């Protein structure tokens, strides 16, 4: 009895399963390793970012207090007023008037925004005055102040205290509760650089550490400590819990922790922690951010479980896919083999299926394919039509390719403008600029639309110019006029912006004011829509006009996107896309305006708009 031929449907899956299983497992394992590595790196980066943010904020807060103290020292009203007060005459009407003037000057220095909580001034003649949340004047001994020796050791440079209850700074202050405050103290000198006194600026710890509090609240798995150069705890202010004690003990043992790097340390219980350190250079504070390694390990539990689940599911799916692939592969292989061995493209139209010779096969699957060959024969005609359709799609592909070259070139300039405006506290202007910038970038980055209404193009071109006008500071004016009847006409996206950009880049080589006019109108008699862009710049030279005209004519003849080069080719890009949409009726002319400046006109046929 003749042995039955083996089934190819059953033989192939075994080999495919082995290949796919090995490949899939290797790829998934590599992805898991890569993912977990990146996840751990992300945790460390977050640790670093939190530490850097805390360090930056502390420098800003200290600088704010330092600035107030310097402004107080260099005030023309405060120190001269203090020098004119005699301690022995405290309580007299004249001294009262002088002290009130000093109060007013210090209050003005603090300001309505309460930049700091309190400013205290001390003079070597024994007079002290302060105002803020507590107003006083009295006789003191400057050398008895707790910070006096420390600030002398720094040659009068600023020093920061540790957080202390308010009674530490102003024992006589009548306050029902004792909030914590932190102080910045520095000496001031007379004209011959002799120590004359000290200025002390107080800030409430709730305000001083408000950003740090929010930062730690947003990252509950992290522990943040700030210590001064003497190892005294600065932050947390009034928390001396067990966890803080453990961490300070670790820091006491680890004296060589590098700044700016993430290292691993073990606490007294042997638990591993990731640690990052930064230094507040102005005062020598050290900022430490801890994260238990167990937190990072727990964050890997989910991807690990997911990896195993995907691996198991992948194995099951691989088995199913292998059987499916074997069926799918055998069918097209048989069809392609029979088709290309017996037919050419012309035979599809000149021969019937009955005249085609079909071979025999030892496999039952191939025998089954023979019965489906008739359908495949008919599908050859459909595939020919698909080839024709692909040629039609080539034009659309070119249009998308040209549009993709239109990228905003002014992003970095606008970011720089925002930075400068921020330094000048131009908040409302920043809001307006960022809104226009976001709208414009959103418009340019939407890749699904290659054609847009003229009204949209006008709108977002105005937003582009609004962004650019920040740079020109009002020296540039623009007029936009659009016939309502052509508002819905479709034109290539980003058609106006490159032309406007060329005007800004090349036309305005003369002194301002500069002006750009954009006018959209219908020429009903000629059956065309037109957009005319003019400026009051230097215009084109004869040689430039000749070259541009020759280039545009060459593009009209070729319509070849490979002619485009990145940079300085805005007009060519616009014209090519107009040609792809409107064909021979596309218009792009370049000329000099009779009244001075350049004039560029773009347009197309109204009939083409209706047909599209």
Protein backbone atom coordinates (compact mmCIF):
# COMPACT_ATOMS: atom_id res chain seq x y z
CA UNK A 1 0.00 0.00 0.00
CA UNK A 2 1.40 3.36 -1.07
CA UNK A 3 2.32 5.58 1.85
CA UNK A 4 0.38 8.82 2.08
CA UNK A 5 2.41 11.95 1.35
CA UNK A 6 3.10 14.03 4.43
CA UNK A 7 0.99 17.11 4.95
CA UNK A 8 2.91 20.30 4.37
CA UNK A 9 0.33 22.06 6.53
CA UNK A 10 1.53 19.97 9.50
CA UNK A 11 5.25 19.93 8.67
CA UNK A 12 5.87 23.65 8.26
CA UNK A 13 4.47 24.84 11.62
CA UNK A 14 7.05 22.84 13.52
CA UNK A 15 9.92 24.67 11.86
CA UNK A 16 8.25 28.06 11.94
CA UNK A 17 7.35 27.63 15.60
CA UNK A 18 10.96 26.95 16.51
CA UNK A 19 12.30 29.94 14.57
CA UNK A 20 9.62 32.36 15.76
CA UNK A 21 9.82 31.14 19.36
CA UNK A 22 13.58 31.66 19.57
CA UNK A 23 13.39 35.05 17.85
CA UNK A 24 10.43 36.24 19.90
CA UNK A 25 11.95 35.14 23.19
CA UNK A 26 15.27 36.79 22.38
CA UNK A 27 13.61 40.04 21.36
CA UNK A 28 11.31 40.10 24.37
CA UNK A 29 14.18 39.35 26.74
CA UNK A 30 16.28 42.11 25.19
CA UNK A 31 13.35 44.50 25.48
CA UNK A 32 12.81 43.55 29.12
CA UNK A 33 16.47 44.15 29.95
CA UNK A 34 16.40 47.45 28.09
CA UNK A 35 13.14 48.51 29.72
CA UNK A 36 14.17 47.66 33.26
CA UNK A 37 17.50 49.39 32.74
CA UNK A 38 15.76 52.50 31.48
CA UNK A 39 13.23 52.34 34.30
CA UNK A 40 15.99 52.24 36.88
CA UNK A 41 17.80 55.05 35.05
CA UNK A 42 14.55 57.02 35.05
CA UNK A 43 14.23 56.59 38.82
CA UNK A 44 17.79 57.80 39.28
CA UNK A 45 17.15 60.72 36.94
CA UNK A 46 14.09 61.68 38.98
CA UNK A 47 16.24 61.50 42.10
CA UNK A 48 18.75 63.84 40.48
CA UNK A 49 16.06 66.19 39.19
CA UNK A 50 14.47 66.48 42.63
CA UNK A 51 17.84 67.22 44.19
CA UNK A 52 18.76 69.75 41.50
CA UNK A 53 15.36 71.44 41.78
CA UNK A 54 15.70 71.70 45.55
CA UNK A 55 19.22 73.11 45.22
CA UNK A 56 18.13 75.66 42.64
CA UNK A 57 15.18 76.74 44.77
CA UNK A 58 17.32 77.14 47.86
CA UNK A 59 19.77 79.31 45.94
CA UNK A 60 16.87 81.45 44.73
CA UNK A 61 15.36 81.84 48.20
CA UNK A 62 18.74 82.69 49.74
CA UNK A 63 19.48 85.14 46.93
CA UNK A 64 16.07 86.77 47.51
CA UNK A 65 16.87 87.33 51.19
CA UNK A 66 20.40 88.45 50.34
CA UNK A 67 19.09 90.98 47.84
CA UNK A 68 16.74 92.44 50.44
CA UNK A 69 19.59 92.76 52.93
CA UNK A 70 21.84 94.48 50.37
CA UNK A 71 19.05 96.82 49.31
CA UNK A 72 18.55 97.70 52.97
CA UNK A 73 22.25 98.44 53.43
CA UNK A 74 22.47 100.62 50.33
CA UNK A 75 19.21 102.46 50.99
CA UNK A 76 19.70 106.23 51.15
CA UNK A 77 17.18 106.57 53.97
CA UNK A 78 17.71 103.68 56.39
CA UNK A 79 21.38 103.71 57.45
CA UNK A 80 21.74 107.51 57.51
CA UNK A 81 18.65 107.60 59.73
CA UNK A 82 20.14 105.03 62.13
CA UNK A 83 23.44 106.91 62.34
CA UNK A 84 21.55 110.02 63.41
CA UNK A 85 19.87 108.35 66.39
CA UNK A 86 21.43 108.61 69.84
CA UNK A 87 20.66 105.68 72.10
CA UNK A 88 20.47 107.92 75.15
CA UNK A 89 17.66 109.92 73.54
CA UNK A 90 15.31 107.00 72.85
CA UNK A 91 11.77 108.02 73.75
CA UNK A 92 12.12 111.69 72.82
CA UNK A 93 9.89 113.28 70.18
CA UNK A 94 12.79 113.86 67.81
CA UNK A 95 13.96 110.26 68.08
CA UNK A 96 10.38 109.04 67.68
CA UNK A 97 10.08 110.90 64.38
CA UNK A 98 13.40 109.52 63.16
CA UNK A 99 12.44 105.96 64.14
CA UNK A 100 9.07 106.24 62.39
CA UNK A 101 10.88 107.29 59.20
CA UNK A 102 13.11 104.23 59.49
CA UNK A 103 10.05 102.01 60.03
CA UNK A 104 8.49 103.38 56.89
CA UNK A 105 11.65 102.84 54.84
CA UNK A 106 12.03 99.25 56.05
CA UNK A 107 8.34 98.54 55.37
CA UNK A 108 8.78 99.86 51.86
CA UNK A 109 11.79 97.58 51.47
CA UNK A 110 9.69 94.55 52.52
CA UNK A 111 6.96 95.65 50.14
CA UNK A 112 3.28 94.72 49.88
CA UNK A 113 4.19 91.26 48.61
CA UNK A 114 5.98 90.48 51.88
CA UNK A 115 9.23 89.48 50.17
CA UNK A 116 10.62 88.69 53.61
CA UNK A 117 8.94 88.47 57.02
CA UNK A 118 11.13 90.79 59.09
CA UNK A 119 14.16 93.08 58.77
CA UNK A 120 16.23 93.88 61.87
CA UNK A 121 19.05 96.44 61.88
CA UNK A 122 21.79 96.65 64.52
CA UNK A 123 24.27 99.51 64.94
CA UNK A 124 27.51 99.41 66.86
CA UNK A 125 26.29 102.38 68.92
CA UNK A 126 23.84 99.96 70.60
CA UNK A 127 20.68 100.91 68.71
CA UNK A 128 18.50 98.22 67.12
CA UNK A 129 15.35 98.65 65.07
CA UNK A 130 13.16 96.19 63.20
CA UNK A 131 9.82 95.87 61.50
CA UNK A 132 7.79 93.34 59.59
CA UNK A 133 5.57 91.06 61.62
CA UNK A 134 7.00 92.71 64.78
CA UNK A 135 8.00 96.36 65.10
CA UNK A 136 10.43 97.47 67.79
CA UNK A 137 13.38 99.72 68.62
CA UNK A 138 15.63 99.23 71.61
CA UNK A 139 19.15 99.34 72.95
CA UNK A 140 21.26 96.21 72.42
CA UNK A 141 24.80 94.90 72.73
CA UNK A 142 25.78 93.80 69.23
CA UNK A 143 28.56 91.51 70.42
CA UNK A 144 26.13 89.44 72.48
CA UNK A 145 24.22 88.30 69.42
CA UNK A 146 24.54 84.54 68.78
CA UNK A 147 25.54 85.05 65.18
CA UNK A 148 28.06 87.83 65.78
CA UNK A 149 31.19 85.68 65.95
CA UNK A 150 30.12 83.61 62.95
CA UNK A 151 29.50 86.59 60.70
CA UNK A 152 32.79 88.15 61.80
CA UNK A 153 34.55 84.92 60.86
CA UNK A 154 33.07 85.31 57.37
CA UNK A 155 34.42 88.90 57.13
CA UNK A 156 30.90 90.23 57.17
CA UNK A 157 29.67 87.98 54.36
CA UNK A 158 26.17 86.58 54.65
CA UNK A 159 25.51 83.61 56.92
CA UNK A 160 22.34 81.57 57.29
CA UNK A 161 20.98 80.36 60.60
CA UNK A 162 19.35 77.04 61.28
CA UNK A 163 15.53 77.10 61.55
CA UNK A 164 14.56 78.35 65.00
CA UNK A 165 11.33 79.29 66.80
CA UNK A 166 10.48 82.97 66.58
CA UNK A 167 11.33 83.43 70.26
CA UNK A 168 14.96 82.69 69.42
CA UNK A 169 15.15 85.79 67.22
CA UNK A 170 12.77 88.15 69.04
CA UNK A 171 12.24 86.98 72.63
CA UNK A 172 9.82 89.79 73.42
CA UNK A 173 7.54 89.16 70.44
CA UNK A 174 3.96 88.52 71.62
CA UNK A 175 2.86 85.69 69.32
CA UNK A 176 0.32 83.02 70.40
CA UNK A 177 2.20 80.26 68.62
CA UNK A 178 5.84 79.72 67.71
CA UNK A 179 6.41 79.29 63.99
CA UNK A 180 9.90 78.54 62.80
CA UNK A 181 11.96 81.20 61.06
CA UNK A 182 15.31 81.25 59.31
CA UNK A 183 17.60 84.26 59.13
CA UNK A 184 20.26 85.71 56.85
CA UNK A 185 22.74 88.05 58.52
CA UNK A 186 25.56 90.18 57.14
CA UNK A 187 27.64 93.11 58.38
CA UNK A 188 27.72 96.56 56.85
CA UNK A 189 30.67 98.93 56.90
CA UNK A 190 31.28 102.66 56.92
CA UNK A 191 33.15 104.67 54.30
CA UNK A 192 36.57 103.54 55.61
CA UNK A 193 35.45 99.91 55.69
CA UNK A 194 35.11 99.73 59.44
CA UNK A 195 32.36 97.48 60.77
CA UNK A 196 29.37 99.67 61.53
CA UNK A 197 26.60 97.18 62.24
CA UNK A 198 24.59 94.25 60.95
CA UNK A 199 21.37 93.62 59.06
CA UNK A 200 19.29 90.53 59.81
CA UNK A 201 16.57 89.34 57.40
CA UNK A 202 14.02 86.80 58.67
CA UNK A 203 11.84 84.55 56.56
CA UNK A 204 9.17 82.17 57.74
CA UNK A 205 10.23 78.56 57.18
CA UNK A 206 6.80 77.69 55.77
CA UNK A 207 7.49 80.23 53.03
CA UNK A 208 11.20 79.57 52.65
CA UNK A 209 10.71 75.80 52.25
CA UNK A 210 7.30 75.89 50.51
CA UNK A 211 8.73 74.59 47.24
CA UNK A 212 10.64 71.84 49.04
CA UNK A 213 7.45 70.84 50.86
CA UNK A 214 5.56 70.56 47.58
CA UNK A 215 8.45 68.69 46.02
CA UNK A 216 8.56 66.08 48.76
CA UNK A 217 4.76 65.77 48.77
CA UNK A 218 4.83 65.07 45.04
CA UNK A 219 7.51 62.39 45.57
CA UNK A 220 6.42 60.52 48.71
CA UNK A 221 8.93 57.71 48.17
CA UNK A 222 11.85 60.16 48.50
CA UNK A 223 13.41 61.57 51.66
CA UNK A 224 15.07 64.99 51.44
CA UNK A 225 17.52 66.37 53.99
CA UNK A 226 19.37 69.69 54.03
CA UNK A 227 22.36 70.18 56.34
CA UNK A 228 24.63 73.14 56.85
CA UNK A 229 28.41 73.06 56.67
CA UNK A 230 28.58 72.21 60.38
CA UNK A 231 26.36 69.17 59.99
CA UNK A 232 23.33 70.84 61.58
CA UNK A 233 19.96 69.78 60.17
CA UNK A 234 18.22 72.53 58.19
CA UNK A 235 15.36 70.55 56.66
CA UNK A 236 13.00 68.98 57.71
CA UNK A 237 12.42 71.94 60.02
CA UNK A 238 10.58 70.44 62.97
CA UNK A 239 10.69 66.73 62.17
CA UNK A 240 13.22 64.66 64.07
CA UNK A 241 11.61 61.25 63.55
CA UNK A 242 13.20 57.84 63.47
CA UNK A 243 13.62 57.86 59.70
CA UNK A 244 15.41 61.23 59.80
CA UNK A 245 17.68 59.93 62.55
CA UNK A 246 18.57 56.87 60.46
CA UNK A 247 19.43 59.02 57.46
CA UNK A 248 21.52 61.51 59.42
CA UNK A 249 23.40 58.57 60.94
CA UNK A 250 24.18 57.30 57.44
CA UNK A 251 25.47 60.73 56.42
CA UNK A 252 27.62 60.93 59.53
CA UNK A 253 29.40 57.73 58.47
CA UNK A 254 29.65 58.64 54.77
CA UNK A 255 31.83 61.72 54.51
CA UNK A 256 33.03 61.18 50.94
CA UNK A 257 29.73 61.22 49.03
CA UNK A 258 30.44 62.92 45.67
CA UNK A 259 28.24 65.82 44.63
CA UNK A 260 26.18 65.51 41.47
CA UNK A 261 26.31 61.71 41.35
CA UNK A 262 23.88 59.00 42.43
CA UNK A 263 25.47 56.45 44.78
CA UNK A 264 24.19 53.60 46.92
CA UNK A 265 24.55 53.51 50.69
CA UNK A 266 23.26 51.18 53.38
CA UNK A 267 21.61 52.38 56.55
CA UNK A 268 22.21 50.89 59.97
CA UNK A 269 19.58 48.23 59.26
CA UNK A 270 21.40 47.12 56.13
CA UNK A 271 18.78 48.54 53.77
CA UNK A 272 20.13 49.79 50.48
CA UNK A 273 19.32 53.37 49.47
CA UNK A 274 19.98 55.41 46.36
CA UNK A 275 21.46 58.77 47.36
CA UNK A 276 22.08 61.97 45.41
CA UNK A 277 23.85 65.05 46.81
CA UNK A 278 24.07 68.65 45.67
CA UNK A 279 25.72 71.67 47.28
CA UNK A 280 24.16 75.11 47.71
CA UNK A 281 27.43 76.85 46.97
CA UNK A 282 26.49 80.29 48.30
CA UNK A 283 26.15 79.08 51.90
CA UNK A 284 27.70 75.61 51.84
CA UNK A 285 24.48 73.70 52.52
CA UNK A 286 24.34 70.06 51.47
CA UNK A 287 21.12 68.68 49.97
CA UNK A 288 20.63 64.91 50.17
CA UNK A 289 17.82 63.00 48.48
CA UNK A 290 17.29 59.35 49.45
CA UNK A 291 15.17 56.66 47.85
CA UNK A 292 15.04 53.12 49.25
CA UNK A 293 16.15 50.57 46.70
CA UNK A 294 13.08 48.55 47.65
CA UNK A 295 10.91 51.24 46.04
CA UNK A 296 12.80 50.89 42.77
CA UNK A 297 12.57 47.11 43.04
CA UNK A 298 8.81 47.31 43.58
CA UNK A 299 8.50 49.51 40.52
CA UNK A 300 10.08 46.67 38.52
CA UNK A 301 7.56 44.11 39.78
CA UNK A 302 4.83 45.14 37.37
CA UNK A 303 6.99 45.04 34.23
CA UNK A 304 8.45 41.71 35.38
CA UNK A 305 5.00 40.19 35.79
CA UNK A 306 3.97 41.73 32.50
CA UNK A 307 7.06 40.26 30.84
CA UNK A 308 6.22 36.77 32.04
CA UNK A 309 2.58 37.16 31.04
CA UNK A 310 3.55 38.42 27.59
CA UNK A 311 6.06 35.60 27.21
CA UNK A 312 3.46 32.93 28.03
CA UNK A 313 0.86 34.61 25.85
CA UNK A 314 3.47 34.97 23.15
CA UNK A 315 4.20 31.26 23.18
CA UNK A 316 0.53 30.43 22.81
CA UNK A 317 0.13 33.07 20.15
CA UNK A 318 3.23 31.82 18.36
CA UNK A 319 1.76 28.36 18.07
CA UNK A 320 -1.45 29.78 16.65
CA UNK A 321 0.42 32.13 14.33
CA UNK A 322 2.62 29.33 13.02
CA UNK A 323 -0.37 27.32 11.87
CA UNK A 324 -1.91 30.45 10.40
CA UNK A 325 1.32 31.45 8.67
CA UNK A 326 1.78 28.03 7.16
CA UNK A 327 -1.66 28.22 5.62
CA UNK A 328 -1.11 31.76 4.40
CA UNK A 329 2.36 31.06 2.99
CA UNK A 330 1.41 27.95 1.08
CA UNK A 331 -1.44 29.65 -0.72
CA UNK A 332 0.46 32.66 -2.17
CA UNK A 333 3.55 30.55 -2.93
CA UNK A 334 1.49 28.16 -5.03
CA UNK A 335 -0.40 30.97 -6.71
CA UNK A 336 2.70 33.00 -7.55
CA UNK A 337 4.59 29.98 -8.79
CA UNK A 338 1.81 28.85 -11.12
CA UNK A 339 1.10 32.38 -12.31
CA UNK A 340 4.66 33.39 -13.18
CA UNK A 341 5.58 30.02 -14.72
CA UNK A 342 2.68 29.92 -17.16
CA UNK A 343 1.55 33.48 -17.72
CA UNK A 344 2.66 36.92 -18.76
CA UNK A 345 0.59 40.02 -18.21
CA UNK A 346 -0.81 40.03 -21.76
CA UNK A 347 -2.08 36.47 -21.31
CA UNK A 348 -4.54 37.65 -18.71
CA UNK A 349 -6.47 39.43 -21.45
CA UNK A 350 -5.79 37.08 -24.40
CA UNK A 351 -6.25 33.58 -22.92
CA UNK A 352 -8.96 31.85 -20.97
CA UNK A 353 -8.32 29.87 -17.83
CA UNK A 354 -8.93 26.61 -19.70
CA UNK A 355 -5.86 27.12 -21.89
CA UNK A 356 -3.50 27.43 -18.94
CA UNK A 357 -1.54 24.32 -18.04
CA UNK A 358 -1.65 23.50 -14.33
CA UNK A 359 1.00 21.23 -12.80
CA UNK A 360 0.38 18.43 -10.31
CA UNK A 361 1.79 18.24 -6.82
CA UNK A 362 2.56 15.53 -4.26
CA UNK A 363 1.13 17.65 -1.44
CA UNK A 364 -2.57 17.78 -0.82
CA UNK A 365 -2.38 21.52 -0.03
CA UNK A 366 -1.10 22.35 -3.53
CA UNK A 367 -3.84 20.20 -5.03
CA UNK A 368 -6.33 22.27 -3.09
CA UNK A 369 -4.76 25.48 -4.40
CA UNK A 370 -5.44 24.43 -7.99
CA UNK A 371 -9.16 24.80 -7.41
CA UNK A 372 -8.61 28.42 -6.31
CA UNK A 373 -6.43 29.31 -9.27
CA UNK A 374 -9.38 30.45 -11.33
CA UNK A 375 -10.11 33.17 -8.79
CA UNK A 376 -6.47 34.23 -8.72
CA UNK A 377 -6.47 34.51 -12.48
CA UNK A 378 -9.29 37.01 -12.30
CA UNK A 379 -7.49 38.90 -9.55
CA UNK A 380 -4.59 39.62 -11.90
CA UNK A 381 -6.74 42.18 -13.63
CA UNK A 382 -7.52 43.83 -10.32
CA UNK A 383 -3.82 43.99 -9.43
CA UNK A 384 -3.16 45.77 -12.72
CA UNK A 385 -5.71 48.40 -11.76
CA UNK A 386 -4.03 48.78 -8.40
CA UNK A 387 -0.77 49.59 -10.17
CA UNK A 388 -2.55 52.39 -11.98
CA UNK A 389 -3.97 53.67 -8.73
CA UNK A 390 -0.51 53.69 -7.17
CA UNK A 391 0.64 56.01 -9.94
CA UNK A 392 -2.24 58.33 -9.13
CA UNK A 393 -1.23 58.30 -5.49
CA UNK A 394 2.29 59.41 -6.42
CA UNK A 395 1.09 62.98 -6.84
CA UNK A 396 -0.39 62.96 -3.36
CA UNK A 397 2.83 61.50 -1.98
CA UNK A 398 4.80 64.34 -3.55
CA UNK A 399 2.45 66.86 -2.03
CA UNK A 400 2.81 65.34 1.43
CA UNK A 401 6.60 65.22 0.98
CA UNK A 402 6.79 68.89 0.10
CA UNK A 403 4.53 69.85 2.99
CA UNK A 404 6.72 67.86 5.36
CA UNK A 405 9.60 70.17 4.48
CA UNK A 406 7.70 73.11 5.94
CA UNK A 407 9.03 73.27 9.49
CA UNK A 408 8.99 76.33 11.81
CA UNK A 409 12.45 77.92 11.81
CA UNK A 410 11.76 80.47 14.47
CA UNK A 411 11.18 78.27 17.53
CA UNK A 412 14.57 78.94 19.15
CA UNK A 413 14.25 82.69 18.61
CA UNK A 414 10.83 82.73 20.28
CA UNK A 415 12.12 80.67 23.22
CA UNK A 416 14.92 83.21 23.61
CA UNK A 417 12.37 86.03 23.49
CA UNK A 418 10.29 84.32 26.17
CA UNK A 419 13.40 84.01 28.34
CA UNK A 420 14.17 87.72 28.02
CA UNK A 421 10.52 88.66 28.61
CA UNK A 422 10.46 86.47 31.71
CA UNK A 423 13.48 88.30 33.10
CA UNK A 424 11.58 91.58 32.55
CA UNK A 425 8.39 90.20 34.20
CA UNK A 426 6.38 90.67 31.00
CA UNK A 427 3.90 88.00 32.08
CA UNK A 428 0.92 89.04 29.95
CA UNK A 429 3.12 89.38 26.87
CA UNK A 430 4.57 85.92 27.55
CA UNK A 431 1.06 84.45 27.77
CA UNK A 432 0.05 86.04 24.45
CA UNK A 433 3.26 84.94 22.75
CA UNK A 434 3.06 81.35 23.99
CA UNK A 435 -0.61 81.08 22.98
CA UNK A 436 0.20 82.26 19.45
CA UNK A 437 3.27 80.03 19.31
CA UNK A 438 1.32 76.95 20.49
CA UNK A 439 -1.49 77.60 18.00
CA UNK A 440 0.97 78.03 15.16
CA UNK A 441 3.05 74.95 16.00
CA UNK A 442 -0.11 72.87 16.42
CA UNK A 443 -1.23 74.02 13.00
CA UNK A 444 2.10 73.25 11.33
CA UNK A 445 2.50 69.85 12.98
CA UNK A 446 -0.89 68.45 11.91
CA UNK A 447 0.22 66.10 9.15
CA UNK A 448 -3.21 64.73 8.16
CA UNK A 449 -4.23 67.88 6.29
CA UNK A 450 -2.32 68.88 3.19
CA UNK A 451 -4.88 71.43 2.09
CA UNK A 452 -6.65 73.97 4.26
CA UNK A 453 -9.17 76.80 3.78
CA UNK A 454 -7.73 80.19 2.87
CA UNK A 455 -9.30 81.62 6.04
CA UNK A 456 -7.30 79.17 8.20
CA UNK A 457 -4.08 79.97 6.37
CA UNK A 458 -4.69 83.71 6.91
CA UNK A 459 -5.44 83.16 10.61
CA UNK A 460 -2.33 81.14 11.40
CA UNK A 461 -0.10 83.36 9.28
CA UNK A 462 -1.25 86.25 11.48
CA UNK A 463 -0.34 84.19 14.56
CA UNK A 464 3.12 83.57 13.02
CA UNK A 465 3.57 87.30 12.47
CA UNK A 466 2.37 88.01 16.00
CA UNK A 467 5.20 85.79 17.26
CA UNK A 468 7.73 87.45 14.98
CA UNK A 469 6.58 90.95 15.95
CA UNK A 470 7.85 90.32 19.48
CA UNK A 471 11.32 90.39 17.98
CA UNK A 472 10.65 93.55 15.96
CA UNK A 473 8.98 95.32 18.93
CA UNK A 474 6.27 97.12 16.98
CA UNK A 475 8.47 98.17 14.07
CA UNK A 476 6.54 95.78 11.80
CA UNK A 477 2.89 96.31 10.87
CA UNK A 478 0.70 93.98 8.82
CA UNK A 479 -2.63 94.35 7.04
CA UNK A 480 -4.71 91.30 6.09
CA UNK A 481 -7.74 91.60 3.81
CA UNK A 482 -9.73 88.58 2.62
CA UNK A 483 -12.77 88.43 0.35
CA UNK A 484 -15.39 86.45 2.29
CA UNK A 485 -16.31 84.52 -0.84
CA UNK A 486 -12.92 82.81 -1.01
CA UNK A 487 -12.64 81.93 2.69
CA UNK A 488 -13.38 78.22 2.09
CA UNK A 489 -11.17 77.80 -0.98
CA UNK A 490 -8.66 75.01 -0.34
CA UNK A 491 -4.97 75.85 -0.81
CA UNK A 492 -1.77 73.99 0.12
CA UNK A 493 -1.10 74.22 3.83
CA UNK A 494 1.69 76.66 4.82
CA UNK A 495 1.58 78.58 1.54
CA UNK A 496 1.66 82.11 2.94
CA UNK A 497 4.16 81.64 5.77
CA UNK A 498 7.23 80.90 3.56
CA UNK A 499 6.51 84.02 1.49
CA UNK A 500 6.12 86.17 4.62
CA UNK A 501 9.30 84.62 6.02
CA UNK A 502 11.23 85.58 2.87
CA UNK A 503 10.00 89.17 3.25
CA UNK A 504 11.19 89.29 6.86
CA UNK A 505 14.54 87.76 5.95
CA UNK A 506 15.48 89.56 2.75
CA UNK A 507 13.17 92.52 2.12
CA UNK A 508 13.66 94.58 5.27
CA UNK A 509 17.27 95.63 4.82
CA UNK A 510 16.33 99.27 5.31
CA UNK A 511 15.36 101.23 8.40
CA UNK A 512 11.89 100.64 9.91
CA UNK A 513 8.97 101.04 9.95
CA UNK A 514 8.28 97.92 7.91
CA UNK A 515 4.92 96.98 6.50
CA UNK A 516 3.45 93.84 4.93
CA UNK A 517 0.09 93.73 3.17
CA UNK A 518 -1.74 90.47 2.39
CA UNK A 519 -4.86 90.76 0.25
CA UNK A 520 -7.06 87.88 -0.92
CA UNK A 521 -9.63 88.58 -3.63
CA UNK A 522 -11.51 87.02 -6.55
CA UNK A 523 -11.01 87.98 -10.18
CA UNK A 524 -14.41 86.79 -11.34
CA UNK A 525 -13.88 87.93 -14.91
CA UNK A 526 -10.72 85.85 -15.23
CA UNK A 527 -12.19 83.01 -13.17
CA UNK A 528 -9.31 83.07 -10.66
CA UNK A 529 -8.72 83.53 -6.96
CA UNK A 530 -5.62 85.55 -6.04
CA UNK A 531 -3.60 86.37 -2.92
CA UNK A 532 -1.27 89.36 -3.23
CA UNK A 533 1.58 89.85 -0.74
CA UNK A 534 3.47 93.16 -0.78
CA UNK A 535 6.05 94.77 1.45
CA UNK A 536 7.82 98.12 1.66
CA UNK A 537 11.27 96.55 1.59
CA UNK A 538 14.11 96.92 -0.88
CA UNK A 539 12.45 94.82 -3.56
CA UNK A 540 14.18 92.56 -6.11
CA UNK A 541 17.09 93.40 -8.36
CA UNK A 542 16.80 92.71 -12.04
CA UNK A 543 19.13 89.73 -11.78
CA UNK A 544 17.13 88.28 -8.89
CA UNK A 545 13.87 88.61 -10.80
CA UNK A 546 15.40 86.91 -13.82
CA UNK A 547 16.70 83.96 -11.78
CA UNK A 548 13.44 83.53 -9.86
CA UNK A 549 11.35 83.64 -13.02
CA UNK A 550 13.61 81.07 -14.69
CA UNK A 551 13.44 78.79 -11.63
CA UNK A 552 9.64 78.96 -11.42
CA UNK A 553 9.31 78.20 -15.12
CA UNK A 554 11.60 75.20 -14.70
CA UNK A 555 9.44 73.92 -11.81
CA UNK A 556 6.30 74.37 -13.90
CA UNK A 557 7.81 72.13 -16.57
CA UNK A 558 9.14 69.39 -14.27
CA UNK A 559 6.96 69.38 -11.12
CA UNK A 560 9.84 67.38 -9.62
CA UNK A 561 10.15 67.43 -5.84
CA UNK A 562 13.77 66.28 -6.03
CA UNK A 563 14.64 69.78 -7.22
CA UNK A 564 13.90 71.14 -3.77
CA UNK A 565 16.66 71.82 -1.29
CA UNK A 566 16.23 72.54 2.39
CA UNK A 567 16.67 76.21 3.24
CA UNK A 568 15.88 79.31 1.19
CA UNK A 569 13.48 77.53 -1.17
CA UNK A 570 10.14 78.74 0.16
CA UNK A 571 8.81 80.17 -3.12
CA UNK A 572 9.74 77.04 -5.07
CA UNK A 573 8.08 74.84 -2.46
CA UNK A 574 4.86 76.86 -2.55
CA UNK A 575 4.75 76.93 -6.34
CA UNK A 576 5.33 73.18 -6.66
CA UNK A 577 2.45 72.44 -4.28
CA UNK A 578 0.19 74.85 -6.14
CA UNK A 579 1.04 73.03 -9.37
CA UNK A 580 0.27 69.66 -7.82
CA UNK A 581 -3.16 70.94 -6.73
CA UNK A 582 -4.22 73.30 -9.52
CA UNK A 583 -2.13 72.11 -12.44
CA UNK A 584 -1.49 74.58 -15.28
CA UNK A 585 -3.88 77.13 -13.73
CA UNK A 586 -1.59 77.63 -10.72
CA UNK A 587 -0.20 81.14 -10.39
CA UNK A 588 2.93 82.42 -8.65
CA UNK A 589 4.41 85.68 -9.93
CA UNK A 590 7.31 87.68 -8.53
CA UNK A 591 7.69 91.39 -9.29
CA UNK A 592 8.50 94.76 -7.79
CA UNK A 593 5.65 96.91 -6.54
CA UNK A 594 5.40 100.28 -8.35
CA UNK A 595 5.22 102.03 -4.98
CA UNK A 596 8.36 100.27 -3.77
CA UNK A 597 9.12 96.89 -2.27
CA UNK A 598 8.40 93.39 -3.51
CA UNK A 599 5.10 91.92 -4.68
CA UNK A 600 4.31 88.20 -4.88
CA UNK A 601 0.99 86.96 -6.21
CA UNK A 602 -0.28 83.41 -5.86
CA UNK A 603 -3.54 81.96 -7.09
CA UNK A 604 -5.45 79.36 -9.04
CA UNK A 605 -8.53 78.69 -11.08
CA UNK A 606 -11.98 78.94 -9.49
CA UNK A 607 -13.12 76.17 -11.82
CA UNK A 608 -10.48 73.84 -10.35
CA UNK A 609 -11.79 74.65 -6.87
CA UNK A 610 -15.31 73.66 -7.87
CA UNK A 611 -14.12 70.46 -9.53
CA UNK A 612 -12.07 69.44 -6.50
